[in-house]
Structure formats: C-alpha cells, structure tokens
Protein backbone atom coordinates (compact mmCIF):
# COMPACT_ATOMS: atom_id res chain seq x y z
CA MET A 1 -0.02 -0.04 -0.07
CA ASN A 2 1.69 3.15 -1.19
CA GLU A 3 -0.97 5.76 -0.49
CA TRP A 4 -0.05 6.61 3.09
CA PRO A 5 0.17 10.34 2.59
CA LEU A 6 -3.44 10.37 1.21
CA LEU A 7 -4.71 8.07 3.88
CA LEU A 8 -3.16 10.36 6.61
CA PHE A 9 -4.51 13.43 4.89
CA THR A 10 -8.11 12.23 4.57
CA PHE A 11 -8.21 10.48 7.98
CA LEU A 12 -6.64 13.28 9.95
CA MET A 13 -8.54 16.13 8.19
CA GLN A 14 -11.94 14.35 8.54
CA THR A 15 -11.01 13.76 12.25
CA SER A 16 -10.31 17.42 12.84
CA ILE A 17 -13.53 18.44 11.05
CA GLY A 18 -15.38 15.93 13.28
CA LEU A 19 -13.77 17.45 16.45
CA SER A 20 -14.95 20.83 15.31
CA VAL A 21 -18.51 19.61 14.83
CA MET A 22 -18.51 18.12 18.28
CA LEU A 23 -17.03 21.17 19.88
CA ALA A 24 -19.96 23.23 18.34
CA LEU A 25 -22.39 20.82 19.91
CA PHE A 26 -20.90 20.83 23.41
CA ALA A 27 -19.05 24.13 23.74
CA LYS A 28 -21.76 25.82 25.67
CA LYS A 29 -22.05 22.99 28.24
CA LEU A 30 -18.20 23.04 28.74
CA SER A 31 -18.20 26.79 29.02
CA ALA A 32 -20.94 26.68 31.70
CA ALA A 33 -19.03 23.98 33.61
CA LEU A 34 -15.59 25.69 33.54
CA GLY A 35 -14.50 28.96 34.98
CA ARG A 36 -13.78 31.68 32.44
CA LYS A 37 -9.86 31.42 32.69
CA VAL A 38 -9.93 27.60 32.70
CA ASN A 39 -12.48 27.43 29.93
CA ALA A 40 -10.35 29.71 27.63
CA GLN A 41 -7.29 27.56 28.24
CA PHE A 42 -9.25 24.26 27.94
CA LEU A 43 -10.84 25.33 24.62
CA LEU A 44 -7.61 26.77 23.33
CA TRP A 45 -5.83 23.37 23.64
CA TYR A 46 -8.83 21.54 22.13
CA VAL A 47 -8.80 23.83 19.05
CA PHE A 48 -5.02 23.64 19.06
CA VAL A 49 -5.19 19.75 18.67
CA ALA A 50 -7.87 19.98 15.90
CA CYS A 51 -5.47 22.54 14.09
CA VAL A 52 -2.45 20.08 14.58
CA PHE A 53 -4.49 17.22 13.00
CA ALA A 54 -5.53 19.38 10.10
CA GLY A 55 -1.90 20.73 9.71
CA ILE A 56 -0.32 17.26 9.67
CA GLY A 57 -3.00 16.19 7.19
CA LEU A 58 -2.11 19.12 4.92
CA LEU A 59 1.63 18.32 5.14
CA SER A 60 0.89 14.74 4.17
CA SER A 61 -1.14 15.75 1.19
CA ILE A 62 1.71 18.05 -0.12
CA THR A 63 4.17 15.12 0.05
CA HIS A 64 1.87 13.17 -2.17
CA LEU A 65 2.26 15.85 -4.95
CA GLY A 66 5.84 14.72 -5.74
CA VAL A 67 7.02 18.33 -6.31
CA PRO A 68 5.51 20.35 -3.45
CA LEU A 69 6.37 23.61 -5.16
CA ASN A 70 3.75 22.73 -7.80
CA ALA A 71 1.08 22.83 -5.13
CA PRO A 72 -0.29 26.29 -6.30
CA ASN A 73 -1.01 24.79 -9.74
CA SER A 74 -3.77 22.55 -8.14
CA LEU A 75 -5.90 25.76 -7.79
CA LEU A 76 -6.01 26.56 -11.45
CA ASN A 77 -9.05 24.54 -12.19
CA ILE A 78 -11.44 25.12 -9.47
CA PHE A 79 -14.50 25.22 -11.75
CA SER A 80 -13.83 21.85 -13.37
CA SER A 81 -11.65 19.87 -10.93
CA TRP A 82 -12.75 18.35 -7.65
CA LEU A 83 -9.11 18.31 -6.64
CA SER A 84 -8.87 22.06 -7.02
CA ARG A 85 -12.09 22.40 -5.01
CA GLU A 86 -10.79 20.20 -2.34
CA VAL A 87 -7.65 22.24 -2.04
CA VAL A 88 -9.72 25.47 -1.65
CA PHE A 89 -12.09 24.10 0.91
CA THR A 90 -9.20 22.48 2.80
CA ALA A 91 -7.30 25.79 2.90
CA THR A 92 -10.59 27.65 3.86
CA TYR A 93 -11.20 25.19 6.74
CA PHE A 94 -7.75 25.43 8.15
CA ALA A 95 -7.79 29.23 7.78
CA PHE A 96 -11.17 29.60 9.78
CA LEU A 97 -10.00 27.05 12.36
CA GLY A 98 -6.72 28.94 12.83
CA LEU A 99 -8.63 32.18 13.19
CA THR A 100 -10.88 30.52 15.75
CA PHE A 101 -7.63 29.59 17.67
CA LEU A 102 -6.27 33.10 17.47
CA TRP A 103 -9.53 34.66 18.69
CA LEU A 104 -9.48 32.22 21.56
CA TRP A 105 -5.95 33.20 22.36
CA PHE A 106 -6.41 36.98 22.27
CA LYS A 107 -10.13 37.36 23.27
CA LYS A 108 -10.23 34.47 25.83
CA GLU A 109 -13.58 33.42 24.39
CA LEU A 110 -14.83 31.09 21.59
CA SER A 111 -16.08 32.63 18.47
CA TYR A 112 -19.03 30.67 17.25
CA LEU A 113 -19.12 32.46 13.95
CA LEU A 114 -15.58 31.62 13.08
CA LEU A 115 -16.09 28.09 14.27
CA GLY A 116 -19.21 27.74 12.22
CA LEU A 117 -17.61 29.06 9.12
CA ALA A 118 -14.75 26.50 9.67
CA ILE A 119 -17.35 23.66 9.98
CA ILE A 120 -19.16 24.68 6.84
CA ALA A 121 -15.94 24.84 4.99
CA GLY A 122 -15.09 21.34 6.48
CA LEU A 123 -18.30 19.78 5.52
CA CYS A 124 -17.80 20.95 1.91
CA ASP A 125 -14.26 19.74 2.06
CA VAL A 126 -15.33 16.20 2.96
CA TYR A 127 -17.72 16.32 0.01
CA ALA A 128 -15.01 17.46 -2.32
CA MET A 129 -12.58 14.77 -0.98
CA ALA A 130 -15.11 11.98 -1.59
CA SER A 131 -16.07 13.48 -5.01
CA ILE A 132 -12.46 13.03 -6.08
CA TYR A 133 -12.67 9.34 -5.72
CA ARG A 134 -16.40 8.94 -6.74
CA TYR A 135 -15.58 10.32 -10.21
CA THR A 136 -12.61 8.21 -11.16
CA SER A 137 -12.15 5.04 -13.11
CA MET A 138 -11.56 2.96 -9.98
CA LEU A 139 -14.69 0.89 -10.04
CA THR A 140 -14.77 0.20 -6.26
CA TRP A 141 -14.78 4.03 -5.55
CA MET A 142 -17.47 4.95 -8.15
CA ASN A 143 -20.43 4.49 -5.81
CA ASP A 144 -22.22 6.56 -3.20
CA ASN A 145 -20.57 4.28 -0.62
CA THR A 146 -17.53 6.68 -0.88
CA TYR A 147 -19.51 9.53 0.45
CA LEU A 148 -21.00 7.38 3.25
CA MET A 149 -17.49 6.22 4.21
CA PHE A 150 -15.93 9.65 4.36
CA TYR A 151 -18.68 11.38 6.21
CA GLY A 152 -19.00 8.36 8.47
CA THR A 153 -15.40 8.67 9.38
CA MET A 154 -15.73 12.34 10.12
CA LEU A 155 -18.59 11.65 12.50
CA THR A 156 -17.23 8.53 14.31
CA ALA A 157 -13.74 9.81 14.63
CA GLY A 158 -14.96 13.21 15.67
CA ALA A 159 -17.29 11.84 18.43
CA ALA A 160 -14.66 9.31 19.66
CA GLY A 161 -11.86 11.76 19.44
CA TYR A 162 -13.97 14.24 21.31
CA TYR A 163 -14.49 12.03 24.38
CA LEU A 164 -10.83 10.97 24.38
CA LEU A 165 -9.59 14.52 23.97
CA ILE A 166 -11.82 15.84 26.71
CA ASN A 167 -10.73 13.30 29.19
CA LEU A 168 -7.08 13.86 28.34
CA LEU A 169 -7.35 17.70 28.77
CA LEU A 170 -9.21 17.36 32.01
CA ARG A 171 -6.17 15.58 33.42
CA PHE A 172 -4.16 18.76 32.93
CA HIS A 173 -6.68 21.39 33.72
CA ALA A 174 -8.23 21.71 37.17
CA GLY A 175 -11.87 22.21 36.31
CA SER A 176 -15.26 21.54 37.76
CA PRO A 177 -16.35 17.88 37.89
CA ALA A 178 -19.44 19.05 35.85
CA ALA A 179 -16.87 19.41 32.92
CA GLN A 180 -16.88 15.72 32.58
CA VAL A 181 -19.10 14.47 29.69
CA SER A 182 -22.64 14.29 31.00
CA THR A 183 -24.88 11.27 30.68
CA ARG A 184 -26.76 13.01 27.97
CA GLY A 185 -23.66 13.82 26.25
CA LEU A 186 -22.49 10.29 26.40
CA TRP A 187 -25.84 9.23 24.78
CA ILE A 188 -25.27 11.72 22.02
CA LEU A 189 -21.78 10.44 21.35
CA TRP A 190 -22.73 6.75 21.53
CA ALA A 191 -25.66 7.51 19.05
CA VAL A 192 -23.43 9.41 16.57
CA ILE A 193 -20.83 6.58 16.64
CA GLY A 194 -23.32 3.77 16.46
CA ILE A 195 -25.59 5.24 13.85
CA SER A 196 -22.53 6.30 11.70
CA LEU A 197 -21.17 2.73 11.83
CA LEU A 198 -24.46 0.89 11.46
CA VAL A 199 -25.77 2.89 8.54
CA ARG A 200 -22.63 2.31 6.55
CA LEU A 201 -22.77 -1.43 7.53
CA ALA A 202 -26.37 -1.62 6.49
CA TYR A 203 -25.41 -0.07 3.09
CA GLN A 204 -22.77 -2.81 2.36
CA PRO A 205 -25.09 -5.39 0.86
CA THR A 206 -26.23 -2.86 -1.67
CA TYR A 207 -22.59 -1.88 -2.31
CA GLU A 208 -21.64 -5.50 -2.82
CA SER A 209 -24.60 -5.87 -5.20
CA TYR A 210 -23.23 -2.84 -7.11
CA LEU A 211 -19.74 -4.56 -7.30
CA VAL A 212 -21.20 -7.87 -8.60
CA SER A 213 -23.29 -6.23 -11.17
CA THR A 214 -20.40 -4.07 -12.36
CA SER A 215 -17.98 -6.94 -12.41
CA TYR A 216 -20.38 -8.63 -15.01
CA ASN A 217 -21.19 -5.64 -17.04
CA ASN A 218 -18.12 -3.49 -17.07
CA GLU A 219 -14.64 -4.57 -18.46
CA SER A 220 -13.01 -1.43 -17.27
CA ILE A 221 -9.69 -1.98 -15.48
CA THR A 222 -7.40 0.71 -14.03
CA PHE A 223 -4.07 -0.62 -15.19
CA PRO A 224 -2.54 -2.60 -13.57
CA ILE A 225 -5.30 -3.24 -11.10
CA ASP A 226 -8.68 -5.00 -11.41
CA SER A 227 -10.02 -2.95 -8.54
CA ILE A 228 -13.00 -5.24 -7.76
CA HIS A 229 -10.99 -8.44 -7.50
CA ALA A 230 -8.40 -6.49 -5.43
CA TYR A 231 -11.27 -5.41 -3.15
CA GLN A 232 -12.53 -8.86 -2.74
CA GLY A 233 -9.10 -10.13 -2.09
CA ILE A 234 -8.89 -8.21 1.32
CA TRP A 235 -12.15 -9.56 2.60
CA SER A 236 -10.63 -10.71 5.83
CA LEU A 237 -9.25 -7.25 6.60
CA ARG A 238 -12.56 -5.62 5.82
CA ILE A 239 -14.54 -8.03 8.07
CA THR A 240 -11.94 -7.44 10.82
CA SER A 241 -12.44 -3.72 10.49
CA TRP A 242 -16.27 -3.98 10.78
CA VAL A 243 -16.04 -6.47 13.74
CA VAL A 244 -13.75 -3.84 15.56
CA GLY A 245 -16.26 -1.11 14.84
CA ILE A 246 -19.21 -3.22 16.09
CA LEU A 247 -17.41 -4.19 19.21
CA SER A 248 -16.52 -0.59 19.93
CA VAL A 249 -20.27 0.26 19.81
CA ILE A 250 -21.00 -2.62 22.21
CA VAL A 251 -18.24 -1.73 24.64
CA LEU A 252 -19.41 1.93 24.51
CA GLY A 253 -22.93 0.80 25.25
CA TYR A 254 -21.82 -1.17 28.11
CA GLY A 255 -19.72 1.64 29.54
CA LEU A 256 -22.69 3.94 29.25
CA PHE A 257 -24.95 1.40 31.01
CA ARG A 258 -22.46 1.20 33.93
CA HIS A 259 -22.12 4.99 34.04
CA MET A 260 -25.89 5.37 34.37
CA ARG A 261 -26.07 2.74 37.10
CA GLN A 262 -23.16 4.51 39.01
CA THR A 263 -24.84 7.81 38.53
CA ALA A 264 -28.11 6.50 39.86
CA SER A 265 -26.44 4.83 42.89
CA GLY A 266 -24.26 7.80 43.69
CA VAL A 267 -21.32 5.53 43.75
CA MET A 268 -18.85 6.72 41.03
CA SER A 269 -15.81 4.79 39.91
CA SER A 270 -13.32 4.76 37.05
CA SER A 271 -14.53 1.38 35.63
CA SER A 272 -17.26 2.94 33.37
CA LYS A 273 -14.81 5.54 32.11
CA GLY A 274 -12.27 2.74 31.26
CA TYR A 275 -14.91 1.08 29.09
CA LEU A 276 -15.86 4.32 27.46
CA VAL A 277 -12.17 5.10 26.70
CA VAL A 278 -11.54 1.57 25.27
CA GLY A 279 -14.71 1.85 23.14
CA CYS A 280 -13.80 5.21 21.69
CA ALA A 281 -10.21 4.01 21.01
CA ALA A 282 -11.55 0.93 19.20
CA ALA A 283 -13.88 3.13 17.13
CA MET A 284 -10.83 5.20 16.10
CA ILE A 285 -8.88 2.01 15.15
CA ALA A 286 -11.86 0.67 13.31
CA GLU A 287 -12.06 3.85 11.19
CA PHE A 288 -8.33 3.80 10.43
CA MET A 289 -8.57 0.20 9.37
CA LEU A 290 -11.57 0.87 7.06
CA ARG A 291 -9.60 3.88 5.44
CA TYR A 292 -6.68 1.52 5.00
CA CYS A 293 -8.95 -0.93 3.19
CA PHE A 294 -10.13 1.95 1.02
CA TYR A 295 -6.64 2.72 -0.16
CA THR A 296 -5.03 -0.67 -0.12
CA ILE A 297 -6.25 -1.70 -3.44
CA HIS A 298 -4.68 1.30 -5.21
C-alpha cells in the first residue's frame, strides 16, 4: 500500500472536522461547567489539537504531490476539478480554524461565528474529498458508498476523538467535575458513533450488489489493477475492521450502562470511564482500518 500520505490526509482532516463539529455541539455545556480562565485555556488546547490534526494532514497531502512547489497549480481548475475544490475548501477550513484559535488566544472566548464558518468549509471539504474518488475510473470507488465512508469517518472519529480529548485535557486542567461528559452527552456520542457505523454497515449489501453487477457488465480496469478483484481479495481485513467497529459500539454501550447505574446509585468509579475510553479508541482504530482498506487496493 503506497498511499499513506493520502490516507493520513483524509483521515486526519476528517477527524479534525469531526472534532470541530463536536465542539460546536458541546461548547456551551463546557463553558458553563468551567471557569472563564480555565474554559479559555481548555478550549484553546482543544482547538489547537484540531489544528494540529489538520496541519499534519495538509503536510501529508503536499508530500503526495511529488513536487511540493507545484502545489499552487492545483488551484487553477476550481470550476472543473474536484481536486482544486478540495484544495480550496481544505485551505478555507484550516484558515477559519486557525482564526478561531487566534480569537480564543487573544479574546479568551470562543467565536461561534468563526467556528461555524470552519465547520461549513469542512463539510464542503469532505464532500470534495469524496467526489475526487467517486468520479474516477476505480470501480470500487465509483459509488455513493464513498460519500458514506468519508462522512461516516468524520462523525465517528470526531465523536470518539472528542471524548478521548476531553478526558485527556481534564487531566491537565483543574476544572469543575461538571466538565466531565454528562450522561446526555454520552448518549449523543454513542448515538453518533453507533448510527454512523451501522448505517454504513447496512449499506454494504447494496454496495456488494453494485460490485457484482459491475464486475459482470463492465470490463474497465485501471491498469494494472482490477479493482473489484483486489477489493474482494482483502475480505478478511474488511471483516475485521467492521468487527472492531461493532465491538466498539457494544463496549461503549456497556460503559454507558455502567455509568448510568453508578450515577443513579451515587457511587462513582473509574470502571465505566475505562470502558468508554476503550470503546472510543476501538472506534478510532476501526475507522483507520476501514480507511486503510479503502486505499490498499490502489
């Protein structure tokens, strides 16, 4: 598999966009739970991590160009090329996210306007990323499954990454216990991760039907790869990826159940948090494995 730069670019950029979406959903709750000074520092580090993910993704994409100095040439066909549109939306997202970070740094408060503009650009960026592959001669990518997989990764990695990042930051910032993700917040995160994975899994029979039909009716081969046979050749890796994803949803559900029982009894322990952390980590691993499957046939 020789597409590591693109794998890192798409995965990290979609994770960053997902983190921005989750921040927009939960920022007011965090702000209410943390003091003003702690809140600004906490959110500053959160946005900084999202910027780092996007920045590493951008650097990875530039290394894929072969001659990085030719990168500006990719902007020349914005009206006809999905690649050019992707570059524009990626740069726009990164710019607005960077401005959100700077606003937090100097004003000590989150700009929902800048964050909202970053999210809009990010959602358009994911669509442009997926469209690059949707409209190619690689038969396994020429299906709406590509859109589902890219947006699904954004949601799952964003929700799982949000929980992991919040818990990591709380270790270094002395905030109120209320800053922990609430039961309602855990339900939302679990629903986002579960629905994202299960909707894509439910679409797989339709996708497999498309592949079977295409393999009989289309002789197109992207030299030197017969993409459908290459895709079918990694069935064990694909099944393992989906199994890890399903297990992550189950572990998260069990962790949420234990959290609710502990909350109801008033006896809190770290065991439920351990299950939630493991579930979120497994969800991130599953998404990375699925993205590896996406590129491994190339």
